[in-house]
Amino acid sequence: MDYCVFIQTNHKQIVGAKVAAYALRRFSAHNERFEVRIIDTRDHPWFAAREGQSYLRDGVQRVWLNDDLQSFTPTRFLPPRLMHFRGRALVIDPDVFAAADVWPLLSRNMGGKAILCRMRSGPKGLVDKCFASSVMLLDCARLRHWDPERQFNAMFDAGYDYQPWVCLKNEPRESIGFFESEWNDFDRFTPATRMLHTTRRKTQPWKTGLPVDWRPSERFRLFPPAAWLLRLRRHLFGEYGLMGNYRAHPDRNQEWFFFGLLKE
């Protein structure tokens, strides 16, 4: 099939991924036109092979942990290869939930661009000019240079930095276009929302009360002392020390939306 939506995940986020897959089907009137596939890190041995090794992230050496909440992130670059560099792919994070039919996005004219996405919010977008690769519409034929297994291994062996990679800074700027922010709506749920992205990890609805299992960035260009404190925390108390527990989501509408999908 020429159209496919890929949901990236690991074992930590599989609940979200399954609900995301259900939401895509529930809200689409064009289900016969596209596939929905889950990409699980456990199906790609090169993740497990790097467990406990140091890699480069935003200029800082970090330890790769497959148990980390977001260890799935490099899988977002797999769809063109899985599609044999043909057709159209939409790749989404496991905490992105369709609230409308995705077919108008999946089938739209990309205007000759290889990638459609939006910018990150906050300093990551405004200062660092980081693209949000958490939801991307991909013209697979234009992305033959994507080789995520090689790029992943280069983070450990060749000084390839994770942060520019996931921010799409290694891509030709002219190859990237934009879709409306409602297709990757960061923690905002309105009648215009097409896909809700619960980016605030500490309040993801299916995690409430559990110990935090993600690691914050350790680089803050606007206020470097914050990064120093986070590094000190990690060295003194471990990767997840003092991170606390997941909290209830502050927006009950988003919480009800997720659990409504889960119940169905």
C-alpha atoms as a PDB file:
ATOM      1  CA  MET A   1       0.000   0.000   0.000  1.00  0.00           C
ATOM      2  CA  ASP A   2       1.259   3.475  -0.896  1.00  0.00           C
ATOM      3  CA  TYR A   3       0.119   5.170   2.332  1.00  0.00           C
ATOM      4  CA  CYS A   4       0.985   4.170   5.869  1.00  0.00           C
ATOM      5  CA  VAL A   5       0.879   5.713   9.339  1.00  0.00           C
ATOM      6  CA  PHE A   6       3.722   4.530  11.570  1.00  0.00           C
ATOM      7  CA  ILE A   7       3.554   4.793  15.358  1.00  0.00           C
ATOM      8  CA  GLN A   8       6.952   4.609  17.037  1.00  0.00           C
ATOM      9  CA  THR A   9       7.216   3.033  20.462  1.00  0.00           C
ATOM     10  CA  ASN A  10       9.136   0.946  22.964  1.00  0.00           C
ATOM     11  CA  HIS A  11       7.832  -1.392  25.671  1.00  0.00           C
ATOM     12  CA  LYS A  12       7.362   1.590  28.009  1.00  0.00           C
ATOM     13  CA  GLN A  13       4.925   3.373  25.687  1.00  0.00           C
ATOM     14  CA  ILE A  14       3.120   0.426  24.115  1.00  0.00           C
ATOM     15  CA  VAL A  15      -0.197   1.303  25.809  1.00  0.00           C
ATOM     16  CA  GLY A  16      -0.138   4.779  24.285  1.00  0.00           C
ATOM     17  CA  ALA A  17       0.852   3.339  20.888  1.00  0.00           C
ATOM     18  CA  LYS A  18      -2.091   0.921  20.836  1.00  0.00           C
ATOM     19  CA  VAL A  19      -4.539   3.669  21.779  1.00  0.00           C
ATOM     20  CA  ALA A  20      -2.982   5.906  19.099  1.00  0.00           C
ATOM     21  CA  ALA A  21      -3.540   3.164  16.496  1.00  0.00           C
ATOM     22  CA  TYR A  22      -7.165   2.808  17.565  1.00  0.00           C
ATOM     23  CA  ALA A  23      -7.758   6.570  17.380  1.00  0.00           C
ATOM     24  CA  LEU A  24      -6.413   6.725  13.817  1.00  0.00           C
ATOM     25  CA  ARG A  25      -8.917   4.096  12.710  1.00  0.00           C
ATOM     26  CA  ARG A  26     -11.795   5.415  14.793  1.00  0.00           C
ATOM     27  CA  PHE A  27     -11.785   8.891  13.289  1.00  0.00           C
ATOM     28  CA  SER A  28     -10.983   8.053   9.657  1.00  0.00           C
ATOM     29  CA  ALA A  29     -13.550   7.607   6.908  1.00  0.00           C
ATOM     30  CA  HIS A  30     -10.796   6.358   4.580  1.00  0.00           C
ATOM     31  CA  ASN A  31      -9.418   3.337   6.432  1.00  0.00           C
ATOM     32  CA  GLU A  32      -9.188   1.288   3.253  1.00  0.00           C
ATOM     33  CA  ARG A  33      -6.691   3.787   1.817  1.00  0.00           C
ATOM     34  CA  PHE A  34      -3.876   3.432   4.346  1.00  0.00           C
ATOM     35  CA  GLU A  35      -2.145   1.036   6.734  1.00  0.00           C
ATOM     36  CA  VAL A  36      -1.342   1.603  10.402  1.00  0.00           C
ATOM     37  CA  ARG A  37       1.839  -0.016  11.720  1.00  0.00           C
ATOM     38  CA  ILE A  38       3.589   0.107  15.092  1.00  0.00           C
ATOM     39  CA  ILE A  39       7.403   0.292  15.094  1.00  0.00           C
ATOM     40  CA  ASP A  40       8.683  -1.316  18.308  1.00  0.00           C
ATOM     41  CA  THR A  41      12.330  -0.963  19.336  1.00  0.00           C
ATOM     42  CA  ARG A  42      12.298  -4.620  20.425  1.00  0.00           C
ATOM     43  CA  ASP A  43      12.035  -5.628  16.757  1.00  0.00           C
ATOM     44  CA  HIS A  44      15.344  -3.915  15.959  1.00  0.00           C
ATOM     45  CA  PRO A  45      18.316  -5.588  17.719  1.00  0.00           C
ATOM     46  CA  TRP A  46      20.630  -2.630  17.216  1.00  0.00           C
ATOM     47  CA  PHE A  47      18.901  -0.866  20.111  1.00  0.00           C
ATOM     48  CA  ALA A  48      19.637  -3.656  22.608  1.00  0.00           C
ATOM     49  CA  ALA A  49      23.201  -3.954  21.297  1.00  0.00           C
ATOM     50  CA  ARG A  50      24.011  -0.451  22.576  1.00  0.00           C
ATOM     51  CA  GLU A  51      22.536  -0.813  26.079  1.00  0.00           C
ATOM     52  CA  GLY A  52      24.692   0.986  28.669  1.00  0.00           C
ATOM     53  CA  GLN A  53      27.036   2.596  26.128  1.00  0.00           C
ATOM     54  CA  SER A  54      27.818   6.316  25.910  1.00  0.00           C
ATOM     55  CA  TYR A  55      26.478   8.411  23.053  1.00  0.00           C
ATOM     56  CA  LEU A  56      26.517  12.097  22.133  1.00  0.00           C
ATOM     57  CA  ARG A  57      23.414  14.170  22.924  1.00  0.00           C
ATOM     58  CA  ASP A  58      23.492  17.934  22.469  1.00  0.00           C
ATOM     59  CA  GLY A  59      27.236  17.990  23.028  1.00  0.00           C
ATOM     60  CA  VAL A  60      27.022  15.932  26.248  1.00  0.00           C
ATOM     61  CA  GLN A  61      27.941  12.268  26.697  1.00  0.00           C
ATOM     62  CA  ARG A  62      24.944  10.279  27.972  1.00  0.00           C
ATOM     63  CA  VAL A  63      24.350   6.580  28.637  1.00  0.00           C
ATOM     64  CA  TRP A  64      21.947   4.765  26.324  1.00  0.00           C
ATOM     65  CA  LEU A  65      19.182   3.007  28.278  1.00  0.00           C
ATOM     66  CA  ASN A  66      16.525   1.048  26.416  1.00  0.00           C
ATOM     67  CA  ASP A  67      14.301   1.310  29.506  1.00  0.00           C
ATOM     68  CA  ASP A  68      14.168   5.090  29.091  1.00  0.00           C
ATOM     69  CA  LEU A  69      10.714   6.369  28.188  1.00  0.00           C
ATOM     70  CA  GLN A  70      11.912   7.875  24.908  1.00  0.00           C
ATOM     71  CA  SER A  71      14.397   5.291  23.667  1.00  0.00           C
ATOM     72  CA  PHE A  72      12.096   4.799  20.658  1.00  0.00           C
ATOM     73  CA  THR A  73      12.936   8.187  19.127  1.00  0.00           C
ATOM     74  CA  PRO A  74      15.423   6.973  16.451  1.00  0.00           C
ATOM     75  CA  THR A  75      12.716   4.697  15.018  1.00  0.00           C
ATOM     76  CA  ARG A  76      10.977   7.773  13.592  1.00  0.00           C
ATOM     77  CA  PHE A  77      13.526   7.683  10.772  1.00  0.00           C
ATOM     78  CA  LEU A  78      12.686   4.087   9.750  1.00  0.00           C
ATOM     79  CA  PRO A  79       9.487   4.559   7.683  1.00  0.00           C
ATOM     80  CA  PRO A  80      11.092   5.429   4.310  1.00  0.00           C
ATOM     81  CA  ARG A  81      13.192   2.251   4.462  1.00  0.00           C
ATOM     82  CA  LEU A  82      10.214   0.169   5.648  1.00  0.00           C
ATOM     83  CA  MET A  83       8.242   1.551   2.685  1.00  0.00           C
ATOM     84  CA  HIS A  84      11.120   0.626   0.315  1.00  0.00           C
ATOM     85  CA  PHE A  85      11.478   4.339  -0.435  1.00  0.00           C
ATOM     86  CA  ARG A  86       8.084   4.479  -2.119  1.00  0.00           C
ATOM     87  CA  GLY A  87       4.832   6.186  -1.280  1.00  0.00           C
ATOM     88  CA  ARG A  88       3.812   8.403   1.593  1.00  0.00           C
ATOM     89  CA  ALA A  89       4.348   7.846   5.330  1.00  0.00           C
ATOM     90  CA  LEU A  90       3.070   9.672   8.382  1.00  0.00           C
ATOM     91  CA  VAL A  91       5.107   8.936  11.509  1.00  0.00           C
ATOM     92  CA  ILE A  92       3.864   9.862  14.975  1.00  0.00           C
ATOM     93  CA  ASP A  93       4.959   9.497  18.584  1.00  0.00           C
ATOM     94  CA  PRO A  94       3.045   7.008  20.772  1.00  0.00           C
ATOM     95  CA  ASP A  95       1.517   9.899  22.727  1.00  0.00           C
ATOM     96  CA  VAL A  96      -0.145  11.447  19.662  1.00  0.00           C
ATOM     97  CA  PHE A  97      -3.869  10.757  19.342  1.00  0.00           C
ATOM     98  CA  ALA A  98      -5.961  11.506  16.278  1.00  0.00           C
ATOM     99  CA  ALA A  99      -9.090  13.542  16.912  1.00  0.00           C
ATOM    100  CA  ALA A 100     -10.003  13.792  13.224  1.00  0.00           C
ATOM    101  CA  ASP A 101      -9.495  11.947   9.944  1.00  0.00           C
ATOM    102  CA  VAL A 102      -5.763  11.872   9.055  1.00  0.00           C
ATOM    103  CA  TRP A 103      -6.396  11.159   5.375  1.00  0.00           C
ATOM    104  CA  PRO A 104      -6.479  14.849   4.338  1.00  0.00           C
ATOM    105  CA  LEU A 105      -2.964  15.194   5.774  1.00  0.00           C
ATOM    106  CA  LEU A 106      -1.653  11.862   4.512  1.00  0.00           C
ATOM    107  CA  SER A 107      -2.854  12.517   0.962  1.00  0.00           C
ATOM    108  CA  ARG A 108      -2.117  16.227   0.647  1.00  0.00           C
ATOM    109  CA  ASN A 109       0.122  17.830  -1.958  1.00  0.00           C
ATOM    110  CA  MET A 110       3.528  18.239  -0.304  1.00  0.00           C
ATOM    111  CA  GLY A 111       4.671  20.881  -2.771  1.00  0.00           C
ATOM    112  CA  GLY A 112       7.875  19.039  -3.644  1.00  0.00           C
ATOM    113  CA  LYS A 113       9.036  18.835  -0.016  1.00  0.00           C
ATOM    114  CA  ALA A 114      10.482  15.644   1.463  1.00  0.00           C
ATOM    115  CA  ILE A 115       9.174  16.386   4.974  1.00  0.00           C
ATOM    116  CA  LEU A 116       6.231  18.299   6.401  1.00  0.00           C
ATOM    117  CA  CYS A 117       6.177  19.006  10.138  1.00  0.00           C
ATOM    118  CA  ARG A 118       6.006  21.942  12.563  1.00  0.00           C
ATOM    119  CA  MET A 119       8.512  23.698  14.808  1.00  0.00           C
ATOM    120  CA  ARG A 120       9.104  22.695  18.420  1.00  0.00           C
ATOM    121  CA  SER A 121       7.522  24.988  20.995  1.00  0.00           C
ATOM    122  CA  GLY A 122       9.359  27.189  23.496  1.00  0.00           C
ATOM    123  CA  PRO A 123      13.126  27.795  23.393  1.00  0.00           C
ATOM    124  CA  LYS A 124      13.752  24.589  21.420  1.00  0.00           C
ATOM    125  CA  GLY A 125      11.855  26.051  18.504  1.00  0.00           C
ATOM    126  CA  LEU A 126      12.417  29.782  18.918  1.00  0.00           C
ATOM    127  CA  VAL A 127      16.098  29.713  19.906  1.00  0.00           C
ATOM    128  CA  ASP A 128      17.439  26.361  18.722  1.00  0.00           C
ATOM    129  CA  LYS A 129      15.299  26.288  15.546  1.00  0.00           C
ATOM    130  CA  CYS A 130      14.421  22.669  16.222  1.00  0.00           C
ATOM    131  CA  PHE A 131      11.808  21.027  14.008  1.00  0.00           C
ATOM    132  CA  ALA A 132       9.295  18.744  15.729  1.00  0.00           C
ATOM    133  CA  SER A 133      10.071  15.337  14.233  1.00  0.00           C
ATOM    134  CA  SER A 134       7.491  13.776  16.578  1.00  0.00           C
ATOM    135  CA  VAL A 135       4.937  14.035  13.754  1.00  0.00           C
ATOM    136  CA  MET A 136       6.238  14.039  10.190  1.00  0.00           C
ATOM    137  CA  LEU A 137       4.651  13.569   6.789  1.00  0.00           C
ATOM    138  CA  LEU A 138       7.285  11.926   4.591  1.00  0.00           C
ATOM    139  CA  ASP A 139       7.732  11.568   0.843  1.00  0.00           C
ATOM    140  CA  CYS A 140       9.694   8.333   1.116  1.00  0.00           C
ATOM    141  CA  ALA A 141      11.282   8.503  -2.351  1.00  0.00           C
ATOM    142  CA  ARG A 142      13.028  11.745  -1.380  1.00  0.00           C
ATOM    143  CA  LEU A 143      14.574  10.266   1.791  1.00  0.00           C
ATOM    144  CA  ARG A 144      16.852   7.545   0.436  1.00  0.00           C
ATOM    145  CA  HIS A 145      19.725   8.974   2.482  1.00  0.00           C
ATOM    146  CA  TRP A 146      17.980   8.022   5.738  1.00  0.00           C
ATOM    147  CA  ASP A 147      19.745   5.034   7.288  1.00  0.00           C
ATOM    148  CA  PRO A 148      18.706   5.078  10.958  1.00  0.00           C
ATOM    149  CA  GLU A 149      20.681   2.014  12.036  1.00  0.00           C
ATOM    150  CA  ARG A 150      23.900   3.529  10.674  1.00  0.00           C
ATOM    151  CA  GLN A 151      23.081   6.961  12.105  1.00  0.00           C
ATOM    152  CA  PHE A 152      22.175   5.451  15.479  1.00  0.00           C
ATOM    153  CA  ASN A 153      25.481   3.577  15.686  1.00  0.00           C
ATOM    154  CA  ALA A 154      27.353   6.722  14.661  1.00  0.00           C
ATOM    155  CA  MET A 155      26.145   8.411  17.883  1.00  0.00           C
ATOM    156  CA  PHE A 156      28.342   5.944  19.773  1.00  0.00           C
ATOM    157  CA  ASP A 157      31.257   5.522  17.371  1.00  0.00           C
ATOM    158  CA  ALA A 158      31.591   8.619  15.207  1.00  0.00           C
ATOM    159  CA  GLY A 159      30.484  11.653  17.223  1.00  0.00           C
ATOM    160  CA  TYR A 160      27.115  11.908  15.482  1.00  0.00           C
ATOM    161  CA  ASP A 161      24.968  14.070  17.761  1.00  0.00           C
ATOM    162  CA  TYR A 162      21.467  12.878  18.659  1.00  0.00           C
ATOM    163  CA  GLN A 163      20.009  16.368  19.082  1.00  0.00           C
ATOM    164  CA  PRO A 164      20.619  17.826  15.597  1.00  0.00           C
ATOM    165  CA  TRP A 165      19.487  14.503  14.154  1.00  0.00           C
ATOM    166  CA  VAL A 166      16.059  14.486  15.828  1.00  0.00           C
ATOM    167  CA  CYS A 167      15.702  18.247  15.233  1.00  0.00           C
ATOM    168  CA  LEU A 168      16.150  17.610  11.476  1.00  0.00           C
ATOM    169  CA  LYS A 169      19.081  20.017  11.366  1.00  0.00           C
ATOM    170  CA  ASN A 170      21.009  17.583   9.173  1.00  0.00           C
ATOM    171  CA  GLU A 171      18.361  17.859   6.448  1.00  0.00           C
ATOM    172  CA  PRO A 172      18.514  20.433   3.637  1.00  0.00           C
ATOM    173  CA  ARG A 173      16.349  23.304   4.834  1.00  0.00           C
ATOM    174  CA  GLU A 174      14.637  23.597   1.468  1.00  0.00           C
ATOM    175  CA  SER A 175      13.419  19.990   1.761  1.00  0.00           C
ATOM    176  CA  ILE A 176      11.272  20.761   4.840  1.00  0.00           C
ATOM    177  CA  GLY A 177       7.841  22.356   4.739  1.00  0.00           C
ATOM    178  CA  PHE A 178       5.144  22.953   7.317  1.00  0.00           C
ATOM    179  CA  PHE A 179       1.679  21.683   8.070  1.00  0.00           C
ATOM    180  CA  GLU A 180      -0.838  23.365  10.365  1.00  0.00           C
ATOM    181  CA  SER A 181       0.013  23.159  14.062  1.00  0.00           C
ATOM    182  CA  GLU A 182      -3.316  21.400  14.738  1.00  0.00           C
ATOM    183  CA  TRP A 183      -1.806  18.234  13.205  1.00  0.00           C
ATOM    184  CA  ASN A 184       0.663  18.128  16.090  1.00  0.00           C
ATOM    185  CA  ASP A 185      -1.171  20.093  18.771  1.00  0.00           C
ATOM    186  CA  PHE A 186       1.109  20.330  21.802  1.00  0.00           C
ATOM    187  CA  ASP A 187      -0.982  19.816  24.955  1.00  0.00           C
ATOM    188  CA  ARG A 188      -3.836  21.866  23.533  1.00  0.00           C
ATOM    189  CA  PHE A 189      -7.210  20.260  22.881  1.00  0.00           C
ATOM    190  CA  THR A 190      -9.708  22.462  21.036  1.00  0.00           C
ATOM    191  CA  PRO A 191     -12.391  21.886  18.371  1.00  0.00           C
ATOM    192  CA  ALA A 192      -9.673  22.651  15.787  1.00  0.00           C
ATOM    193  CA  THR A 193      -7.260  19.969  17.063  1.00  0.00           C
ATOM    194  CA  ARG A 194      -6.608  17.265  14.468  1.00  0.00           C
ATOM    195  CA  MET A 195      -4.041  15.292  16.479  1.00  0.00           C
ATOM    196  CA  LEU A 196      -3.437  15.826  20.195  1.00  0.00           C
ATOM    197  CA  HIS A 197       0.172  15.438  21.357  1.00  0.00           C
ATOM    198  CA  THR A 198       0.569  15.015  25.120  1.00  0.00           C
ATOM    199  CA  THR A 199       4.121  16.351  25.214  1.00  0.00           C
ATOM    200  CA  ARG A 200       4.260  17.044  28.955  1.00  0.00           C
ATOM    201  CA  ARG A 201       5.654  13.680  29.889  1.00  0.00           C
ATOM    202  CA  LYS A 202       5.136  14.045  33.629  1.00  0.00           C
ATOM    203  CA  THR A 203       1.344  14.216  33.186  1.00  0.00           C
ATOM    204  CA  GLN A 204       0.715  11.573  30.526  1.00  0.00           C
ATOM    205  CA  PRO A 205      -2.676  10.109  31.557  1.00  0.00           C
ATOM    206  CA  TRP A 206      -1.692   6.422  31.480  1.00  0.00           C
ATOM    207  CA  LYS A 207       1.329   6.990  33.751  1.00  0.00           C
ATOM    208  CA  THR A 208      -0.232   8.789  36.748  1.00  0.00           C
ATOM    209  CA  GLY A 209       1.393   7.756  40.047  1.00  0.00           C
ATOM    210  CA  LEU A 210       4.210   5.696  38.525  1.00  0.00           C
ATOM    211  CA  PRO A 211       7.899   6.612  39.055  1.00  0.00           C
ATOM    212  CA  VAL A 212       9.254   8.931  36.361  1.00  0.00           C
ATOM    213  CA  ASP A 213      11.275   6.957  33.797  1.00  0.00           C
ATOM    214  CA  TRP A 214      12.525   9.644  31.429  1.00  0.00           C
ATOM    215  CA  ARG A 215      15.652  11.773  31.624  1.00  0.00           C
ATOM    216  CA  PRO A 216      15.580  15.547  31.117  1.00  0.00           C
ATOM    217  CA  SER A 217      17.840  17.427  28.765  1.00  0.00           C
ATOM    218  CA  GLU A 218      21.035  18.695  30.346  1.00  0.00           C
ATOM    219  CA  ARG A 219      21.549  21.716  28.156  1.00  0.00           C
ATOM    220  CA  PHE A 220      19.695  25.009  28.616  1.00  0.00           C
ATOM    221  CA  ARG A 221      21.141  27.751  26.437  1.00  0.00           C
ATOM    222  CA  LEU A 222      18.973  30.482  27.979  1.00  0.00           C
ATOM    223  CA  PHE A 223      19.967  29.574  31.546  1.00  0.00           C
ATOM    224  CA  PRO A 224      23.061  27.305  31.710  1.00  0.00           C
ATOM    225  CA  PRO A 225      23.007  26.902  35.541  1.00  0.00           C
ATOM    226  CA  ALA A 226      19.848  24.776  35.188  1.00  0.00           C
ATOM    227  CA  ALA A 227      21.848  22.284  33.144  1.00  0.00           C
ATOM    228  CA  TRP A 228      24.646  22.223  35.733  1.00  0.00           C
ATOM    229  CA  LEU A 229      22.149  21.372  38.465  1.00  0.00           C
ATOM    230  CA  LEU A 230      20.632  18.561  36.407  1.00  0.00           C
ATOM    231  CA  ARG A 231      24.049  17.053  35.734  1.00  0.00           C
ATOM    232  CA  LEU A 232      24.874  17.265  39.438  1.00  0.00           C
ATOM    233  CA  ARG A 233      21.576  15.534  40.251  1.00  0.00           C
ATOM    234  CA  ARG A 234      22.404  12.693  37.861  1.00  0.00           C
ATOM    235  CA  HIS A 235      25.929  12.226  39.207  1.00  0.00           C
ATOM    236  CA  LEU A 236      24.793  12.242  42.843  1.00  0.00           C
ATOM    237  CA  PHE A 237      21.494  10.363  42.654  1.00  0.00           C
ATOM    238  CA  GLY A 238      21.509   8.404  39.384  1.00  0.00           C
ATOM    239  CA  GLU A 239      19.663   8.755  36.088  1.00  0.00           C
ATOM    240  CA  TYR A 240      16.183   9.011  37.654  1.00  0.00           C
ATOM    241  CA  GLY A 241      17.069  10.210  41.149  1.00  0.00           C
ATOM    242  CA  LEU A 242      14.796  12.947  42.573  1.00  0.00           C
ATOM    243  CA  MET A 243      12.598  12.846  39.456  1.00  0.00           C
ATOM    244  CA  GLY A 244       9.508  11.922  41.482  1.00  0.00           C
ATOM    245  CA  ASN A 245       6.308  10.371  40.136  1.00  0.00           C
ATOM    246  CA  TYR A 246       3.983  11.072  37.238  1.00  0.00           C
ATOM    247  CA  ARG A 247       1.147  13.449  38.117  1.00  0.00           C
ATOM    248  CA  ALA A 248      -2.486  13.607  37.044  1.00  0.00           C
ATOM    249  CA  HIS A 249      -3.071  15.565  33.839  1.00  0.00           C
ATOM    250  CA  PRO A 250      -4.186  19.160  34.572  1.00  0.00           C
ATOM    251  CA  ASP A 251      -6.643  19.214  31.640  1.00  0.00           C
ATOM    252  CA  ARG A 252      -9.476  16.823  32.424  1.00  0.00           C
ATOM    253  CA  ASN A 253     -10.731  17.030  28.826  1.00  0.00           C
ATOM    254  CA  GLN A 254      -7.485  15.546  27.539  1.00  0.00           C
ATOM    255  CA  GLU A 255      -7.556  12.897  30.253  1.00  0.00           C
ATOM    256  CA  TRP A 256     -11.166  11.975  29.457  1.00  0.00           C
ATOM    257  CA  PHE A 257     -10.376  11.861  25.727  1.00  0.00           C
ATOM    258  CA  PHE A 258      -7.553   9.365  26.269  1.00  0.00           C
ATOM    259  CA  PHE A 259      -9.450   7.134  28.681  1.00  0.00           C
ATOM    260  CA  GLY A 260     -12.527   7.260  26.454  1.00  0.00           C
ATOM    261  CA  LEU A 261     -10.439   5.848  23.607  1.00  0.00           C
ATOM    262  CA  LEU A 262      -8.889   3.274  25.932  1.00  0.00           C
ATOM    263  CA  LYS A 263     -12.302   2.153  27.180  1.00  0.00           C
ATOM    264  CA  GLU A 264     -13.580   1.667  23.632  1.00  0.00           C
END
